[in-house]
């Protein structure tokens, strides 16, 4: 099927979620652009457009992780003081904290809540 660049952009933006675009969950082999340009460039542009405003800052990722920890684990008592489980883990074992946060991020991507594009993470909508 021949399409113009504009038609393809609209088709990609309206017909697919960010997750579907990133994971290639459609068959682009039947699409031919009238200009002869690469379909991959249009896909990358659609991904960039869908990512606008949805990028997670590093602190937002850490906040989501710490919220998950607080939801699962109660505050901990250390020498009579109460501390959030997230803060305690971060201070007592920073390596485990980072590894566990990395697993949390991987799970968010695997579950389809977030998507990774070029090393950055984005919230999946729709």
PDB file of N, CA and C in Angstrom:
ATOM      1  N   UNK A   1       0.849  -1.159   0.000  1.00  0.00           N
ATOM      2  CA  UNK A   1       0.000   0.000   0.000  1.00  0.00           C
ATOM      3  C   UNK A   1       0.901   1.231   0.000  1.00  0.00           C
ATOM      4  N   UNK A   2       0.616   2.177  -0.911  1.00  0.00           N
ATOM      5  CA  UNK A   2       1.390   3.427  -0.971  1.00  0.00           C
ATOM      6  C   UNK A   2       0.721   4.467  -0.086  1.00  0.00           C
ATOM      7  N   UNK A   3       1.559   5.201   0.630  1.00  0.00           N
ATOM      8  CA  UNK A   3       1.063   6.254   1.523  1.00  0.00           C
ATOM      9  C   UNK A   3       1.963   7.465   1.408  1.00  0.00           C
ATOM     10  N   UNK A   4       1.395   8.617   1.726  1.00  0.00           N
ATOM     11  CA  UNK A   4       2.215   9.813   1.851  1.00  0.00           C
ATOM     12  C   UNK A   4       2.821   9.814   3.255  1.00  0.00           C
ATOM     13  N   UNK A   5       3.844  10.621   3.450  1.00  0.00           N
ATOM     14  CA  UNK A   5       4.452  10.735   4.780  1.00  0.00           C
ATOM     15  C   UNK A   5       3.414  11.154   5.814  1.00  0.00           C
ATOM     16  N   UNK A   6       2.585  12.126   5.452  1.00  0.00           N
ATOM     17  CA  UNK A   6       1.574  12.642   6.369  1.00  0.00           C
ATOM     18  C   UNK A   6       0.559  11.562   6.723  1.00  0.00           C
ATOM     19  N   UNK A   7       0.096  10.816   5.718  1.00  0.00           N
ATOM     20  CA  UNK A   7      -0.867   9.746   5.976  1.00  0.00           C
ATOM     21  C   UNK A   7      -0.280   8.690   6.906  1.00  0.00           C
ATOM     22  N   UNK A   8       0.990   8.347   6.660  1.00  0.00           N
ATOM     23  CA  UNK A   8       1.628   7.335   7.501  1.00  0.00           C
ATOM     24  C   UNK A   8       1.767   7.832   8.930  1.00  0.00           C
ATOM     25  N   UNK A   9       2.180   9.083   9.116  1.00  0.00           N
ATOM     26  CA  UNK A   9       2.309   9.645  10.460  1.00  0.00           C
ATOM     27  C   UNK A   9       0.974   9.581  11.189  1.00  0.00           C
ATOM     28  N   UNK A  10      -0.083  10.023  10.527  1.00  0.00           N
ATOM     29  CA  UNK A  10      -1.417   9.990  11.151  1.00  0.00           C
ATOM     30  C   UNK A  10      -1.832   8.558  11.472  1.00  0.00           C
ATOM     31  N   UNK A  11      -1.575   7.643  10.539  1.00  0.00           N
ATOM     32  CA  UNK A  11      -1.906   6.236  10.736  1.00  0.00           C
ATOM     33  C   UNK A  11      -1.191   5.681  11.967  1.00  0.00           C
ATOM     34  N   UNK A  12       0.091   5.988  12.100  1.00  0.00           N
ATOM     35  CA  UNK A  12       0.869   5.495  13.223  1.00  0.00           C
ATOM     36  C   UNK A  12       0.429   6.126  14.540  1.00  0.00           C
ATOM     37  N   UNK A  13       0.207   7.438  14.531  1.00  0.00           N
ATOM     38  CA  UNK A  13      -0.158   8.144  15.759  1.00  0.00           C
ATOM     39  C   UNK A  13      -1.550   7.776  16.253  1.00  0.00           C
ATOM     40  N   UNK A  14      -2.472   7.584  15.340  1.00  0.00           N
ATOM     41  CA  UNK A  14      -3.852   7.305  15.731  1.00  0.00           C
ATOM     42  C   UNK A  14      -4.126   5.816  15.915  1.00  0.00           C
ATOM     43  N   UNK A  15      -3.355   4.988  15.220  1.00  0.00           N
ATOM     44  CA  UNK A  15      -3.673   3.568  15.228  1.00  0.00           C
ATOM     45  C   UNK A  15      -2.894   2.710  16.199  1.00  0.00           C
ATOM     46  N   UNK A  16      -1.859   3.274  16.809  1.00  0.00           N
ATOM     47  CA  UNK A  16      -1.005   2.452  17.656  1.00  0.00           C
ATOM     48  C   UNK A  16      -0.632   3.182  18.937  1.00  0.00           C
ATOM     49  N   UNK A  17      -0.484   2.412  20.006  1.00  0.00           N
ATOM     50  CA  UNK A  17      -0.003   2.977  21.265  1.00  0.00           C
ATOM     51  C   UNK A  17       1.517   3.085  21.195  1.00  0.00           C
ATOM     52  N   UNK A  18       2.078   3.813  22.115  1.00  0.00           N
ATOM     53  CA  UNK A  18       3.535   3.946  22.200  1.00  0.00           C
ATOM     54  C   UNK A  18       4.173   2.565  22.341  1.00  0.00           C
ATOM     55  N   UNK A  19       3.603   1.738  23.200  1.00  0.00           N
ATOM     56  CA  UNK A  19       4.139   0.392  23.418  1.00  0.00           C
ATOM     57  C   UNK A  19       4.140  -0.407  22.124  1.00  0.00           C
ATOM     58  N   UNK A  20       3.067  -0.339  21.359  1.00  0.00           N
ATOM     59  CA  UNK A  20       2.989  -1.073  20.096  1.00  0.00           C
ATOM     60  C   UNK A  20       4.023  -0.575  19.093  1.00  0.00           C
ATOM     61  N   UNK A  21       4.232   0.734  19.055  1.00  0.00           N
ATOM     62  CA  UNK A  21       5.231   1.283  18.138  1.00  0.00           C
ATOM     63  C   UNK A  21       6.636   0.849  18.510  1.00  0.00           C
ATOM     64  N   UNK A  22       6.950   0.918  19.806  1.00  0.00           N
ATOM     65  CA  UNK A  22       8.291   0.559  20.255  1.00  0.00           C
ATOM     66  C   UNK A  22       8.551  -0.930  20.062  1.00  0.00           C
ATOM     67  N   UNK A  23       7.544  -1.741  20.334  1.00  0.00           N
ATOM     68  CA  UNK A  23       7.714  -3.191  20.230  1.00  0.00           C
ATOM     69  C   UNK A  23       7.495  -3.720  18.817  1.00  0.00           C
ATOM     70  N   UNK A  24       7.158  -2.824  17.873  1.00  0.00           N
ATOM     71  CA  UNK A  24       6.970  -3.247  16.487  1.00  0.00           C
ATOM     72  C   UNK A  24       5.800  -4.201  16.317  1.00  0.00           C
ATOM     73  N   UNK A  25       4.705  -3.938  17.004  1.00  0.00           N
ATOM     74  CA  UNK A  25       3.562  -4.846  16.983  1.00  0.00           C
ATOM     75  C   UNK A  25       2.627  -4.591  15.798  1.00  0.00           C
ATOM     76  N   UNK A  26       3.192  -4.295  14.662  1.00  0.00           N
ATOM     77  CA  UNK A  26       2.422  -4.160  13.431  1.00  0.00           C
ATOM     78  C   UNK A  26       3.339  -4.478  12.268  1.00  0.00           C
ATOM     79  N   UNK A  27       2.757  -4.810  11.136  1.00  0.00           N
ATOM     80  CA  UNK A  27       3.547  -5.229   9.978  1.00  0.00           C
ATOM     81  C   UNK A  27       3.718  -4.049   9.028  1.00  0.00           C
ATOM     82  N   UNK A  28       4.929  -3.484   9.023  1.00  0.00           N
ATOM     83  CA  UNK A  28       5.214  -2.336   8.165  1.00  0.00           C
ATOM     84  C   UNK A  28       5.706  -2.769   6.790  1.00  0.00           C
ATOM     85  N   UNK A  29       5.828  -4.066   6.571  1.00  0.00           N
ATOM     86  CA  UNK A  29       6.402  -4.544   5.310  1.00  0.00           C
ATOM     87  C   UNK A  29       5.502  -4.251   4.108  1.00  0.00           C
ATOM     88  N   UNK A  30       4.215  -4.046   4.348  1.00  0.00           N
ATOM     89  CA  UNK A  30       3.281  -3.783   3.252  1.00  0.00           C
ATOM     90  C   UNK A  30       3.143  -2.294   2.935  1.00  0.00           C
ATOM     91  N   UNK A  31       3.806  -1.464   3.740  1.00  0.00           N
ATOM     92  CA  UNK A  31       3.678  -0.016   3.560  1.00  0.00           C
ATOM     93  C   UNK A  31       4.838   0.501   2.714  1.00  0.00           C
ATOM     94  N   UNK A  32       4.513   1.258   1.703  1.00  0.00           N
ATOM     95  CA  UNK A  32       5.514   1.877   0.841  1.00  0.00           C
ATOM     96  C   UNK A  32       5.200   3.366   0.768  1.00  0.00           C
ATOM     97  N   UNK A  33       6.193   4.181   1.072  1.00  0.00           N
ATOM     98  CA  UNK A  33       5.987   5.623   1.027  1.00  0.00           C
ATOM     99  C   UNK A  33       6.150   6.127  -0.398  1.00  0.00           C
ATOM    100  N   UNK A  34       5.288   7.059  -0.774  1.00  0.00           N
ATOM    101  CA  UNK A  34       5.354   7.631  -2.117  1.00  0.00           C
ATOM    102  C   UNK A  34       6.686   8.326  -2.368  1.00  0.00           C
ATOM    103  N   UNK A  35       7.272   8.871  -1.295  1.00  0.00           N
ATOM    104  CA  UNK A  35       8.539   9.586  -1.434  1.00  0.00           C
ATOM    105  C   UNK A  35       9.730   8.637  -1.514  1.00  0.00           C
ATOM    106  N   UNK A  36       9.487   7.367  -1.210  1.00  0.00           N
ATOM    107  CA  UNK A  36      10.570   6.395  -1.215  1.00  0.00           C
ATOM    108  C   UNK A  36      11.388   6.405   0.057  1.00  0.00           C
ATOM    109  N   UNK A  37      11.003   7.261   1.024  1.00  0.00           N
ATOM    110  CA  UNK A  37      11.729   7.310   2.294  1.00  0.00           C
ATOM    111  C   UNK A  37      11.480   6.044   3.101  1.00  0.00           C
ATOM    112  N   UNK A  38      12.305   5.847   4.067  1.00  0.00           N
ATOM    113  CA  UNK A  38      12.222   4.666   4.913  1.00  0.00           C
ATOM    114  C   UNK A  38      11.048   4.781   5.888  1.00  0.00           C
ATOM    115  N   UNK A  39      10.292   3.712   5.998  1.00  0.00           N
ATOM    116  CA  UNK A  39       9.165   3.671   6.935  1.00  0.00           C
ATOM    117  C   UNK A  39       9.672   3.785   8.368  1.00  0.00           C
ATOM    118  N   UNK A  40      10.871   3.262   8.632  1.00  0.00           N
ATOM    119  CA  UNK A  40      11.429   3.312   9.987  1.00  0.00           C
ATOM    120  C   UNK A  40      11.556   4.746  10.498  1.00  0.00           C
ATOM    121  N   UNK A  41      11.890   5.679   9.617  1.00  0.00           N
ATOM    122  CA  UNK A  41      12.012   7.082  10.031  1.00  0.00           C
ATOM    123  C   UNK A  41      10.663   7.619  10.499  1.00  0.00           C
ATOM    124  N   UNK A  42       9.592   7.243   9.807  1.00  0.00           N
ATOM    125  CA  UNK A  42       8.250   7.685  10.207  1.00  0.00           C
ATOM    126  C   UNK A  42       7.856   7.055  11.536  1.00  0.00           C
ATOM    127  N   UNK A  43       8.236   5.815  11.733  1.00  0.00           N
ATOM    128  CA  UNK A  43       7.946   5.140  13.003  1.00  0.00           C
ATOM    129  C   UNK A  43       8.691   5.832  14.141  1.00  0.00           C
ATOM    130  N   UNK A  44       9.964   6.140  13.939  1.00  0.00           N
ATOM    131  CA  UNK A  44      10.743   6.830  14.961  1.00  0.00           C
ATOM    132  C   UNK A  44      10.141   8.195  15.287  1.00  0.00           C
ATOM    133  N   UNK A  45       9.661   8.886  14.269  1.00  0.00           N
ATOM    134  CA  UNK A  45       9.033  10.188  14.494  1.00  0.00           C
ATOM    135  C   UNK A  45       7.742  10.039  15.290  1.00  0.00           C
ATOM    136  N   UNK A  46       6.961   9.002  14.974  1.00  0.00           N
ATOM    137  CA  UNK A  46       5.717   8.758  15.712  1.00  0.00           C
ATOM    138  C   UNK A  46       6.014   8.419  17.167  1.00  0.00           C
ATOM    139  N   UNK A  47       7.046   7.629  17.399  1.00  0.00           N
ATOM    140  CA  UNK A  47       7.441   7.291  18.769  1.00  0.00           C
ATOM    141  C   UNK A  47       7.843   8.562  19.516  1.00  0.00           C
ATOM    142  N   UNK A  48       8.644   9.409  18.875  1.00  0.00           N
ATOM    143  CA  UNK A  48       9.082  10.655  19.510  1.00  0.00           C
ATOM    144  C   UNK A  48       7.887  11.542  19.851  1.00  0.00           C
ATOM    145  N   UNK A  49       6.920  11.616  18.940  1.00  0.00           N
ATOM    146  CA  UNK A  49       5.725  12.432  19.177  1.00  0.00           C
ATOM    147  C   UNK A  49       4.928  11.892  20.351  1.00  0.00           C
ATOM    148  N   UNK A  50       4.753  10.577  20.402  1.00  0.00           N
ATOM    149  CA  UNK A  50       3.983   9.976  21.493  1.00  0.00           C
ATOM    150  C   UNK A  50       4.721  10.088  22.829  1.00  0.00           C
ATOM    151  N   UNK A  51       6.043  10.192  22.799  1.00  0.00           N
ATOM    152  CA  UNK A  51       6.824  10.287  24.028  1.00  0.00           C
ATOM    153  C   UNK A  51       6.781  11.682  24.638  1.00  0.00           C
ATOM    154  N   UNK A  52       6.488  12.691  23.839  1.00  0.00           N
ATOM    155  CA  UNK A  52       6.513  14.069  24.331  1.00  0.00           C
ATOM    156  C   UNK A  52       5.667  14.206  25.585  1.00  0.00           C
ATOM    157  N   UNK A  53       6.284  14.723  26.630  1.00  0.00           N
ATOM    158  CA  UNK A  53       5.575  14.978  27.877  1.00  0.00           C
ATOM    159  C   UNK A  53       5.384  13.756  28.750  1.00  0.00           C
ATOM    160  N   UNK A  54       5.803  12.583  28.290  1.00  0.00           N
ATOM    161  CA  UNK A  54       5.618  11.362  29.070  1.00  0.00           C
ATOM    162  C   UNK A  54       6.919  10.816  29.642  1.00  0.00           C
ATOM    163  N   UNK A  55       8.029  11.518  29.433  1.00  0.00           N
ATOM    164  CA  UNK A  55       9.308  11.011  29.919  1.00  0.00           C
ATOM    165  C   UNK A  55       9.355  11.082  31.436  1.00  0.00           C
ATOM    166  N   UNK A  56       9.864  10.025  32.020  1.00  0.00           N
ATOM    167  CA  UNK A  56      10.028   9.970  33.465  1.00  0.00           C
ATOM    168  C   UNK A  56      11.407  10.497  33.839  1.00  0.00           C
ATOM    169  N   UNK A  57      11.438  11.461  34.724  1.00  0.00           N
ATOM    170  CA  UNK A  57      12.711  11.953  35.244  1.00  0.00           C
ATOM    171  C   UNK A  57      13.238  10.913  36.227  1.00  0.00           C
ATOM    172  N   UNK A  58      14.531  10.947  36.450  1.00  0.00           N
ATOM    173  CA  UNK A  58      15.142   9.970  37.357  1.00  0.00           C
ATOM    174  C   UNK A  58      14.486  10.005  38.735  1.00  0.00           C
ATOM    175  N   UNK A  59      14.173  11.199  39.234  1.00  0.00           N
ATOM    176  CA  UNK A  59      13.561  11.293  40.554  1.00  0.00           C
ATOM    177  C   UNK A  59      12.152  10.702  40.559  1.00  0.00           C
ATOM    178  N   UNK A  60      11.433  10.756  39.428  1.00  0.00           N
ATOM    179  CA  UNK A  60      10.094  10.169  39.357  1.00  0.00           C
ATOM    180  C   UNK A  60      10.159   8.637  39.396  1.00  0.00           C
ATOM    181  N   UNK A  61      11.178   8.089  38.768  1.00  0.00           N
ATOM    182  CA  UNK A  61      11.375   6.641  38.809  1.00  0.00           C
ATOM    183  C   UNK A  61      11.677   6.219  40.242  1.00  0.00           C
ATOM    184  N   UNK A  62      12.563   6.962  40.897  1.00  0.00           N
ATOM    185  CA  UNK A  62      12.920   6.638  42.275  1.00  0.00           C
ATOM    186  C   UNK A  62      11.718   6.804  43.206  1.00  0.00           C
ATOM    187  N   UNK A  63      10.913   7.834  42.990  1.00  0.00           N
ATOM    188  CA  UNK A  63       9.712   8.028  43.816  1.00  0.00           C
ATOM    189  C   UNK A  63       8.729   6.872  43.643  1.00  0.00           C
ATOM    190  N   UNK A  64       8.539   6.419  42.409  1.00  0.00           N
ATOM    191  CA  UNK A  64       7.631   5.297  42.152  1.00  0.00           C
ATOM    192  C   UNK A  64       8.139   4.033  42.845  1.00  0.00           C
ATOM    193  N   UNK A  65       9.441   3.814  42.774  1.00  0.00           N
ATOM    194  CA  UNK A  65      10.051   2.651  43.424  1.00  0.00           C
ATOM    195  C   UNK A  65       9.871   2.726  44.938  1.00  0.00           C
ATOM    196  N   UNK A  66      10.170   3.881  45.513  1.00  0.00           N
ATOM    197  CA  UNK A  66      10.051   4.019  46.964  1.00  0.00           C
ATOM    198  C   UNK A  66       8.601   3.916  47.417  1.00  0.00           C
ATOM    199  N   UNK A  67       7.677   4.390  46.617  1.00  0.00           N
ATOM    200  CA  UNK A  67       6.252   4.243  46.947  1.00  0.00           C
ATOM    201  C   UNK A  67       5.870   2.767  46.979  1.00  0.00           C
ATOM    202  N   UNK A  68       6.374   2.000  46.015  1.00  0.00           N
ATOM    203  CA  UNK A  68       6.112   0.565  45.987  1.00  0.00           C
ATOM    204  C   UNK A  68       6.669  -0.092  47.243  1.00  0.00           C
ATOM    205  N   UNK A  69       7.890   0.278  47.630  1.00  0.00           N
ATOM    206  CA  UNK A  69       8.478  -0.289  48.848  1.00  0.00           C
ATOM    207  C   UNK A  69       7.631   0.049  50.070  1.00  0.00           C
ATOM    208  N   UNK A  70       7.193   1.294  50.178  1.00  0.00           N
ATOM    209  CA  UNK A  70       6.377   1.711  51.328  1.00  0.00           C
ATOM    210  C   UNK A  70       5.040   0.981  51.352  1.00  0.00           C
ATOM    211  N   UNK A  71       4.490   0.682  50.168  1.00  0.00           N
ATOM    212  CA  UNK A  71       3.223  -0.041  50.105  1.00  0.00           C
ATOM    213  C   UNK A  71       3.371  -1.485  50.573  1.00  0.00           C
ATOM    214  N   UNK A  72       4.522  -2.062  50.325  1.00  0.00           N
ATOM    215  CA  UNK A  72       4.741  -3.472  50.650  1.00  0.00           C
ATOM    216  C   UNK A  72       5.278  -3.655  52.067  1.00  0.00           C
ATOM    217  N   UNK A  73       6.221  -2.802  52.457  1.00  0.00           N
ATOM    218  CA  UNK A  73       6.902  -2.970  53.744  1.00  0.00           C
ATOM    219  C   UNK A  73       6.539  -1.855  54.706  1.00  0.00           C
ATOM    220  N   UNK A  74       6.375  -2.242  55.956  1.00  0.00           N
ATOM    221  CA  UNK A  74       6.084  -1.258  56.999  1.00  0.00           C
ATOM    222  C   UNK A  74       7.350  -0.478  57.329  1.00  0.00           C
ATOM    223  N   UNK A  75       7.164   0.612  58.057  1.00  0.00           N
ATOM    224  CA  UNK A  75       8.315   1.365  58.553  1.00  0.00           C
ATOM    225  C   UNK A  75       9.161   0.444  59.430  1.00  0.00           C
ATOM    226  N   UNK A  76      10.444   0.734  59.485  1.00  0.00           N
ATOM    227  CA  UNK A  76      11.341  -0.078  60.305  1.00  0.00           C
ATOM    228  C   UNK A  76      11.765   0.703  61.540  1.00  0.00           C
ATOM    229  N   UNK A  77      12.012  -0.032  62.604  1.00  0.00           N
ATOM    230  CA  UNK A  77      12.426   0.559  63.873  1.00  0.00           C
ATOM    231  C   UNK A  77      13.926   0.349  64.018  1.00  0.00           C
ATOM    232  N   UNK A  78      14.668   1.453  64.086  1.00  0.00           N
ATOM    233  CA  UNK A  78      16.117   1.369  64.287  1.00  0.00           C
ATOM    234  C   UNK A  78      16.463   2.210  65.507  1.00  0.00           C
ATOM    235  N   UNK A  79      16.912   1.535  66.548  1.00  0.00           N
ATOM    236  CA  UNK A  79      17.302   2.205  67.793  1.00  0.00           C
ATOM    237  C   UNK A  79      16.217   3.148  68.298  1.00  0.00           C
ATOM    238  N   UNK A  80      14.994   2.705  68.219  1.00  0.00           N
ATOM    239  CA  UNK A  80      13.876   3.491  68.731  1.00  0.00           C
ATOM    240  C   UNK A  80      13.310   4.510  67.753  1.00  0.00           C
ATOM    241  N   UNK A  81      13.940   4.683  66.611  1.00  0.00           N
ATOM    242  CA  UNK A  81      13.424   5.616  65.609  1.00  0.00           C
ATOM    243  C   UNK A  81      12.708   4.869  64.496  1.00  0.00           C
ATOM    244  N   UNK A  82      11.662   5.480  63.950  1.00  0.00           N
ATOM    245  CA  UNK A  82      10.907   4.885  62.841  1.00  0.00           C
ATOM    246  C   UNK A  82      11.385   5.497  61.534  1.00  0.00           C
ATOM    247  N   UNK A  83      11.658   4.630  60.563  1.00  0.00           N
ATOM    248  CA  UNK A  83      12.130   5.069  59.257  1.00  0.00           C
ATOM    249  C   UNK A  83      11.360   4.325  58.176  1.00  0.00           C
ATOM    250  N   UNK A  84      11.133   4.989  57.046  1.00  0.00           N
ATOM    251  CA  UNK A  84      10.459   4.298  55.948  1.00  0.00           C
ATOM    252  C   UNK A  84      11.374   3.179  55.463  1.00  0.00           C
ATOM    253  N   UNK A  85      10.765   2.107  55.006  1.00  0.00           N
ATOM    254  CA  UNK A  85      11.548   0.973  54.515  1.00  0.00           C
ATOM    255  C   UNK A  85      12.440   1.395  53.350  1.00  0.00           C
ATOM    256  N   UNK A  86      11.952   2.291  52.513  1.00  0.00           N
ATOM    257  CA  UNK A  86      12.730   2.747  51.359  1.00  0.00           C
ATOM    258  C   UNK A  86      13.977   3.506  51.804  1.00  0.00           C
ATOM    259  N   UNK A  87      13.804   4.418  52.747  1.00  0.00           N
ATOM    260  CA  UNK A  87      14.954   5.202  53.232  1.00  0.00           C
ATOM    261  C   UNK A  87      15.962   4.302  53.929  1.00  0.00           C
ATOM    262  N   UNK A  88      15.455   3.369  54.743  1.00  0.00           N
ATOM    263  CA  UNK A  88      16.343   2.465  55.471  1.00  0.00           C
ATOM    264  C   UNK A  88      17.154   1.612  54.495  1.00  0.00           C
ATOM    265  N   UNK A  89      16.500   1.045  53.498  1.00  0.00           N
ATOM    266  CA  UNK A  89      17.209   0.211  52.531  1.00  0.00           C
ATOM    267  C   UNK A  89      18.258   1.019  51.782  1.00  0.00           C
ATOM    268  N   UNK A  90      17.892   2.229  51.382  1.00  0.00           N
ATOM    269  CA  UNK A  90      18.826   3.079  50.630  1.00  0.00           C
ATOM    270  C   UNK A  90      20.077   3.398  51.449  1.00  0.00           C
ATOM    271  N   UNK A  91      19.913   3.627  52.737  1.00  0.00           N
ATOM    272  CA  UNK A  91      21.045   3.989  53.581  1.00  0.00           C
ATOM    273  C   UNK A  91      21.841   2.772  54.057  1.00  0.00           C
ATOM    274  N   UNK A  92      21.150   1.687  54.347  1.00  0.00           N
ATOM    275  CA  UNK A  92      21.819   0.513  54.896  1.00  0.00           C
ATOM    276  C   UNK A  92      22.499  -0.315  53.809  1.00  0.00           C
ATOM    277  N   UNK A  93      21.847  -0.462  52.657  1.00  0.00           N
ATOM    278  CA  UNK A  93      22.412  -1.298  51.584  1.00  0.00           C
ATOM    279  C   UNK A  93      22.135  -0.647  50.229  1.00  0.00           C
ATOM    280  N   UNK A  94      22.918   0.391  49.865  1.00  0.00           N
ATOM    281  CA  UNK A  94      22.671   1.117  48.619  1.00  0.00           C
ATOM    282  C   UNK A  94      22.800   0.247  47.361  1.00  0.00           C
ATOM    283  N   UNK A  95      23.619  -0.795  47.425  1.00  0.00           N
ATOM    284  CA  UNK A  95      23.755  -1.673  46.255  1.00  0.00           C
ATOM    285  C   UNK A  95      22.465  -2.455  46.039  1.00  0.00           C
ATOM    286  N   UNK A  96      21.922  -3.039  47.111  1.00  0.00           N
ATOM    287  CA  UNK A  96      20.662  -3.765  46.995  1.00  0.00           C
ATOM    288  C   UNK A  96      19.534  -2.822  46.568  1.00  0.00           C
ATOM    289  N   UNK A  97      19.555  -1.614  47.102  1.00  0.00           N
ATOM    290  CA  UNK A  97      18.550  -0.607  46.742  1.00  0.00           C
ATOM    291  C   UNK A  97      18.563  -0.367  45.233  1.00  0.00           C
ATOM    292  N   UNK A  98      19.739  -0.150  44.661  1.00  0.00           N
ATOM    293  CA  UNK A  98      19.852   0.127  43.223  1.00  0.00           C
ATOM    294  C   UNK A  98      19.489  -1.087  42.381  1.00  0.00           C
ATOM    295  N   UNK A  99      19.932  -2.276  42.810  1.00  0.00           N
ATOM    296  CA  UNK A  99      19.604  -3.493  42.065  1.00  0.00           C
ATOM    297  C   UNK A  99      18.104  -3.756  42.086  1.00  0.00           C
ATOM    298  N   UNK A 100      17.512  -3.567  43.242  1.00  0.00           N
ATOM    299  CA  UNK A 100      16.077  -3.783  43.381  1.00  0.00           C
ATOM    300  C   UNK A 100      15.287  -2.751  42.566  1.00  0.00           C
ATOM    301  N   UNK A 101      15.778  -1.511  42.533  1.00  0.00           N
ATOM    302  CA  UNK A 101      15.109  -0.490  41.734  1.00  0.00           C
ATOM    303  C   UNK A 101      15.226  -0.825  40.250  1.00  0.00           C
ATOM    304  N   UNK A 102      16.359  -1.341  39.833  1.00  0.00           N
ATOM    305  CA  UNK A 102      16.534  -1.756  38.439  1.00  0.00           C
ATOM    306  C   UNK A 102      15.545  -2.863  38.077  1.00  0.00           C
ATOM    307  N   UNK A 103      15.353  -3.816  38.986  1.00  0.00           N
ATOM    308  CA  UNK A 103      14.362  -4.877  38.766  1.00  0.00           C
ATOM    309  C   UNK A 103      12.952  -4.308  38.704  1.00  0.00           C
ATOM    310  N   UNK A 104      12.670  -3.325  39.553  1.00  0.00           N
ATOM    311  CA  UNK A 104      11.367  -2.659  39.553  1.00  0.00           C
ATOM    312  C   UNK A 104      11.101  -2.016  38.194  1.00  0.00           C
ATOM    313  N   UNK A 105      12.098  -1.310  37.667  1.00  0.00           N
ATOM    314  CA  UNK A 105      11.964  -0.656  36.362  1.00  0.00           C
ATOM    315  C   UNK A 105      11.751  -1.706  35.263  1.00  0.00           C
ATOM    316  N   UNK A 106      12.546  -2.768  35.294  1.00  0.00           N
ATOM    317  CA  UNK A 106      12.389  -3.845  34.310  1.00  0.00           C
ATOM    318  C   UNK A 106      10.977  -4.426  34.344  1.00  0.00           C
ATOM    319  N   UNK A 107      10.432  -4.593  35.541  1.00  0.00           N
ATOM    320  CA  UNK A 107       9.074  -5.122  35.678  1.00  0.00           C
ATOM    321  C   UNK A 107       8.027  -4.148  35.150  1.00  0.00           C
ATOM    322  N   UNK A 108       8.242  -2.856  35.386  1.00  0.00           N
ATOM    323  CA  UNK A 108       7.308  -1.853  34.858  1.00  0.00           C
ATOM    324  C   UNK A 108       7.286  -1.903  33.337  1.00  0.00           C
ATOM    325  N   UNK A 109       8.452  -2.103  32.723  1.00  0.00           N
ATOM    326  CA  UNK A 109       8.543  -2.207  31.257  1.00  0.00           C
ATOM    327  C   UNK A 109       7.883  -3.504  30.802  1.00  0.00           C
ATOM    328  N   UNK A 110       8.197  -4.614  31.472  1.00  0.00           N
ATOM    329  CA  UNK A 110       7.636  -5.918  31.094  1.00  0.00           C
ATOM    330  C   UNK A 110       6.117  -5.937  31.231  1.00  0.00           C
ATOM    331  N   UNK A 111       5.596  -5.234  32.249  1.00  0.00           N
ATOM    332  CA  UNK A 111       4.154  -5.179  32.464  1.00  0.00           C
ATOM    333  C   UNK A 111       3.454  -4.216  31.506  1.00  0.00           C
ATOM    334  N   UNK A 112       4.244  -3.436  30.767  1.00  0.00           N
ATOM    335  CA  UNK A 112       3.668  -2.503  29.808  1.00  0.00           C
ATOM    336  C   UNK A 112       3.270  -1.157  30.384  1.00  0.00           C
ATOM    337  N   UNK A 113       3.663  -0.897  31.636  1.00  0.00           N
ATOM    338  CA  UNK A 113       3.347   0.397  32.242  1.00  0.00           C
ATOM    339  C   UNK A 113       4.268   1.490  31.715  1.00  0.00           C
ATOM    340  N   UNK A 114       5.518   1.121  31.495  1.00  0.00           N
ATOM    341  CA  UNK A 114       6.521   2.039  30.976  1.00  0.00           C
ATOM    342  C   UNK A 114       7.143   1.433  29.731  1.00  0.00           C
ATOM    343  N   UNK A 115       7.780   2.284  28.940  1.00  0.00           N
ATOM    344  CA  UNK A 115       8.517   1.816  27.771  1.00  0.00           C
ATOM    345  C   UNK A 115       9.873   2.499  27.777  1.00  0.00           C
ATOM    346  N   UNK A 116      10.892   1.764  27.312  1.00  0.00           N
ATOM    347  CA  UNK A 116      12.235   2.328  27.234  1.00  0.00           C
ATOM    348  C   UNK A 116      12.537   2.680  25.791  1.00  0.00           C
ATOM    349  N   UNK A 117      12.962   3.914  25.581  1.00  0.00           N
ATOM    350  CA  UNK A 117      13.355   4.378  24.255  1.00  0.00           C
ATOM    351  C   UNK A 117      14.689   5.083  24.405  1.00  0.00           C
ATOM    352  N   UNK A 118      15.718   4.504  23.831  1.00  0.00           N
ATOM    353  CA  UNK A 118      17.044   5.128  23.875  1.00  0.00           C
ATOM    354  C   UNK A 118      17.591   5.351  25.265  1.00  0.00           C
ATOM    355  N   UNK A 119      17.283   4.450  26.191  1.00  0.00           N
ATOM    356  CA  UNK A 119      17.798   4.566  27.546  1.00  0.00           C
ATOM    357  C   UNK A 119      16.957   5.445  28.473  1.00  0.00           C
ATOM    358  N   UNK A 120      15.923   6.081  27.914  1.00  0.00           N
ATOM    359  CA  UNK A 120      15.006   6.876  28.725  1.00  0.00           C
ATOM    360  C   UNK A 120      13.705   6.089  28.902  1.00  0.00           C
ATOM    361  N   UNK A 121      12.974   6.410  29.957  1.00  0.00           N
ATOM    362  CA  UNK A 121      11.729   5.700  30.244  1.00  0.00           C
ATOM    363  C   UNK A 121      10.559   6.659  30.105  1.00  0.00           C
ATOM    364  N   UNK A 122       9.455   6.099  29.578  1.00  0.00           N
ATOM    365  CA  UNK A 122       8.255   6.878  29.310  1.00  0.00           C
ATOM    366  C   UNK A 122       7.043   6.118  29.832  1.00  0.00           C
ATOM    367  N   UNK A 123       6.035   6.878  30.279  1.00  0.00           N
ATOM    368  CA  UNK A 123       4.783   6.291  30.723  1.00  0.00           C
ATOM    369  C   UNK A 123       3.980   5.906  29.482  1.00  0.00           C
ATOM    370  N   UNK A 124       3.479   4.685  29.466  1.00  0.00           N
ATOM    371  CA  UNK A 124       2.640   4.229  28.348  1.00  0.00           C
ATOM    372  C   UNK A 124       1.212   4.671  28.600  1.00  0.00           C
ATOM    373  N   UNK A 125       0.649   5.316  27.627  1.00  0.00           N
ATOM    374  CA  UNK A 125      -0.751   5.727  27.716  1.00  0.00           C
ATOM    375  C   UNK A 125      -1.517   4.990  26.640  1.00  0.00           C
ATOM    376  N   UNK A 126      -2.650   4.483  27.048  1.00  0.00           N
ATOM    377  CA  UNK A 126      -3.520   3.800  26.081  1.00  0.00           C
ATOM    378  C   UNK A 126      -3.050   2.467  25.657  1.00  0.00           C
TER     379      UNK A 126
END
